[in-house]
Structures are given as C-alpha cells and as structure tokens.
C-alpha cells in the first residue's frame, strides 16, 4: 500500500509540485497585492569605479615617457660583440652572425649575382 510512495523519483515530483503551489500562493498574497505601508531604510551600493583626474594622468604619462626612453637607450646602447649564450638553433646562430660587420662583408660576394657585378651592371656606362 505504501510501496508507490517509497519511490524516490515519485516523491521528488510530488514535493516539487507541492512547493511550487505553495510558492505561487505566497507570491500572490505577499508580493502582488498593493500595500500602503511605508518602509524606511537605507540602501547601500558598492561599485568599483575608475577615477581619472589630472594627477593620475600626468603620473601615467611620465611613467610611459620614462619607459619609452629606457627602451630607446637599451636599443642604442647594447653590447655588440657579446654572445649571451651558446646558440642552440640555426636561427640563433644567424641572428648572432647578422650583427657582425665582418661576417656581412665576407658574404658580400657569395651570391649568385654578386653585389659588385650588380653594381657594375646597374651603373650607366659613359
């Protein structure tokens, strides 16, 4: 006789129906009926805002200018003839060799059409 009520799924369905009905009645009685009561209280809102004023903009601009100057100094004042580590790949080796002026000079005439021949062919003969 109580066997159908011991099934968990059936009990969950019935409980959901009962609580939905009770919730609907509670909302209808308490929230949808207009009321003339006055409620006094305070509401507090917390929000994160970005405050931009003249001092913060000037500080960020100065910091950006200093970083930009440091980058320019690092580009122009770097050590030229120093290998920082043992090159592990062909790209590392090429990037190290491309900064060497003697290496560039040694490769100058090694192309299929060397630079000196190209210069002589491109100049007008007089």
Protein backbone atom coordinates (compact mmCIF):
# COMPACT_ATOMS: atom_id res chain seq x y z
CA UNK A 1 0.00 0.00 0.00
CA UNK A 2 2.84 2.45 0.72
CA UNK A 3 5.06 0.94 -1.93
CA UNK A 4 4.40 3.62 -4.64
CA UNK A 5 5.25 6.40 -2.18
CA UNK A 6 8.69 4.94 -1.38
CA UNK A 7 9.95 5.55 -4.93
CA UNK A 8 12.38 8.50 -4.76
CA UNK A 9 11.51 9.93 -8.18
CA UNK A 10 7.78 9.95 -7.46
CA UNK A 11 8.36 11.62 -4.08
CA UNK A 12 10.59 14.29 -5.67
CA UNK A 13 7.99 15.06 -8.34
CA UNK A 14 5.18 15.36 -5.78
CA UNK A 15 7.30 17.52 -3.46
CA UNK A 16 8.20 19.85 -6.34
CA UNK A 17 4.51 20.22 -7.25
CA UNK A 18 3.56 20.99 -3.64
CA UNK A 19 6.35 23.55 -3.15
CA UNK A 20 5.57 25.22 -6.49
CA UNK A 21 1.95 25.63 -5.44
CA UNK A 22 2.91 26.99 -2.01
CA UNK A 23 5.42 29.38 -3.60
CA UNK A 24 2.84 30.65 -6.07
CA UNK A 25 0.35 31.29 -3.26
CA UNK A 26 2.98 33.12 -1.19
CA UNK A 27 3.93 35.36 -4.09
CA UNK A 28 0.29 36.08 -4.91
CA UNK A 29 -0.53 37.04 -1.32
CA UNK A 30 2.56 38.96 -0.39
CA UNK A 31 4.13 40.47 -3.46
CA UNK A 32 1.36 41.09 -5.96
CA UNK A 33 -1.05 42.82 -3.58
CA UNK A 34 -0.50 46.59 -3.30
CA UNK A 35 0.12 47.91 0.15
CA UNK A 36 0.01 51.31 1.80
CA UNK A 37 2.75 50.66 4.32
CA UNK A 38 5.71 53.00 4.41
CA UNK A 39 9.12 51.45 4.64
CA UNK A 40 12.08 53.47 5.85
CA UNK A 41 15.63 52.31 5.47
CA UNK A 42 18.86 52.79 3.64
CA UNK A 43 20.27 51.16 0.56
CA UNK A 44 24.00 50.78 0.15
CA UNK A 45 25.60 50.27 -3.23
CA UNK A 46 29.21 49.31 -3.73
CA UNK A 47 30.78 49.74 -7.13
CA UNK A 48 34.32 49.90 -8.39
CA UNK A 49 34.98 53.00 -10.44
CA UNK A 50 37.93 54.28 -12.38
CA UNK A 51 38.66 57.77 -11.14
CA UNK A 52 40.63 59.79 -13.67
CA UNK A 53 42.00 63.10 -12.57
CA UNK A 54 44.83 65.33 -13.70
CA UNK A 55 47.44 63.92 -11.28
CA UNK A 56 46.90 60.28 -12.26
CA UNK A 57 47.03 61.11 -15.99
CA UNK A 58 50.25 63.10 -15.54
CA UNK A 59 51.84 60.31 -13.50
CA UNK A 60 50.93 57.67 -16.10
CA UNK A 61 52.24 59.89 -18.92
CA UNK A 62 55.54 60.48 -17.12
CA UNK A 63 55.92 56.75 -16.39
CA UNK A 64 55.24 55.93 -20.05
CA UNK A 65 57.81 58.52 -21.19
CA UNK A 66 60.45 57.11 -18.82
CA UNK A 67 59.81 53.56 -20.05
CA UNK A 68 59.98 54.74 -23.66
CA UNK A 69 63.32 56.49 -23.03
CA UNK A 70 64.71 53.39 -21.32
CA UNK A 71 63.72 51.28 -24.33
CA UNK A 72 65.47 53.71 -26.68
CA UNK A 73 68.59 53.64 -24.52
CA UNK A 74 68.57 49.83 -24.49
CA UNK A 75 68.22 49.74 -28.28
CA UNK A 76 71.13 52.09 -28.98
CA UNK A 77 73.45 51.25 -26.08
CA UNK A 78 73.69 47.50 -26.17
CA UNK A 79 76.74 45.32 -26.27
CA UNK A 80 77.51 44.36 -29.84
CA UNK A 81 80.22 41.72 -29.70
CA UNK A 82 78.83 39.58 -26.90
CA UNK A 83 77.18 36.20 -27.29
CA UNK A 84 74.83 35.85 -24.31
CA UNK A 85 74.54 32.07 -24.53
CA UNK A 86 75.53 29.15 -26.66
CA UNK A 87 73.26 29.28 -29.75
CA UNK A 88 71.08 26.19 -29.80
CA UNK A 89 69.39 26.56 -33.18
CA UNK A 90 70.16 27.81 -36.66
CA UNK A 91 68.03 30.90 -36.12
CA UNK A 92 70.03 31.82 -33.02
CA UNK A 93 73.29 31.42 -34.92
CA UNK A 94 72.05 33.53 -37.82
CA UNK A 95 70.77 36.27 -35.54
CA UNK A 96 74.16 36.46 -33.83
CA UNK A 97 76.07 36.45 -37.13
CA UNK A 98 73.91 39.13 -38.74
CA UNK A 99 75.13 41.74 -36.25
CA UNK A 100 78.74 41.12 -37.28
CA UNK A 101 80.06 43.58 -39.88
CA UNK A 102 83.00 41.33 -40.94
CA UNK A 103 80.56 38.46 -41.46
CA UNK A 104 78.40 40.65 -43.71
CA UNK A 105 81.49 41.67 -45.68
CA UNK A 106 82.51 38.02 -46.13
CA UNK A 107 79.07 37.20 -47.56
CA UNK A 108 79.03 40.18 -49.89
CA UNK A 109 80.40 38.37 -52.98
CA UNK A 110 78.96 34.93 -52.28
CA UNK A 111 75.59 35.38 -54.01
CA UNK A 112 74.74 34.04 -57.43
CA UNK A 113 74.98 37.54 -58.81
CA UNK A 114 77.46 39.27 -56.57
CA UNK A 115 76.91 42.82 -55.41
CA UNK A 116 79.96 44.14 -57.25
CA UNK A 117 78.73 42.69 -60.55
CA UNK A 118 75.26 44.04 -59.93
CA UNK A 119 76.68 47.49 -59.20
CA UNK A 120 78.71 47.48 -62.40
CA UNK A 121 75.71 46.34 -64.48
CA UNK A 122 73.31 48.85 -62.97
CA UNK A 123 75.61 51.87 -63.45
CA UNK A 124 75.31 53.62 -66.82
CA UNK A 125 78.47 53.36 -68.90
CA UNK A 126 79.96 56.58 -70.15
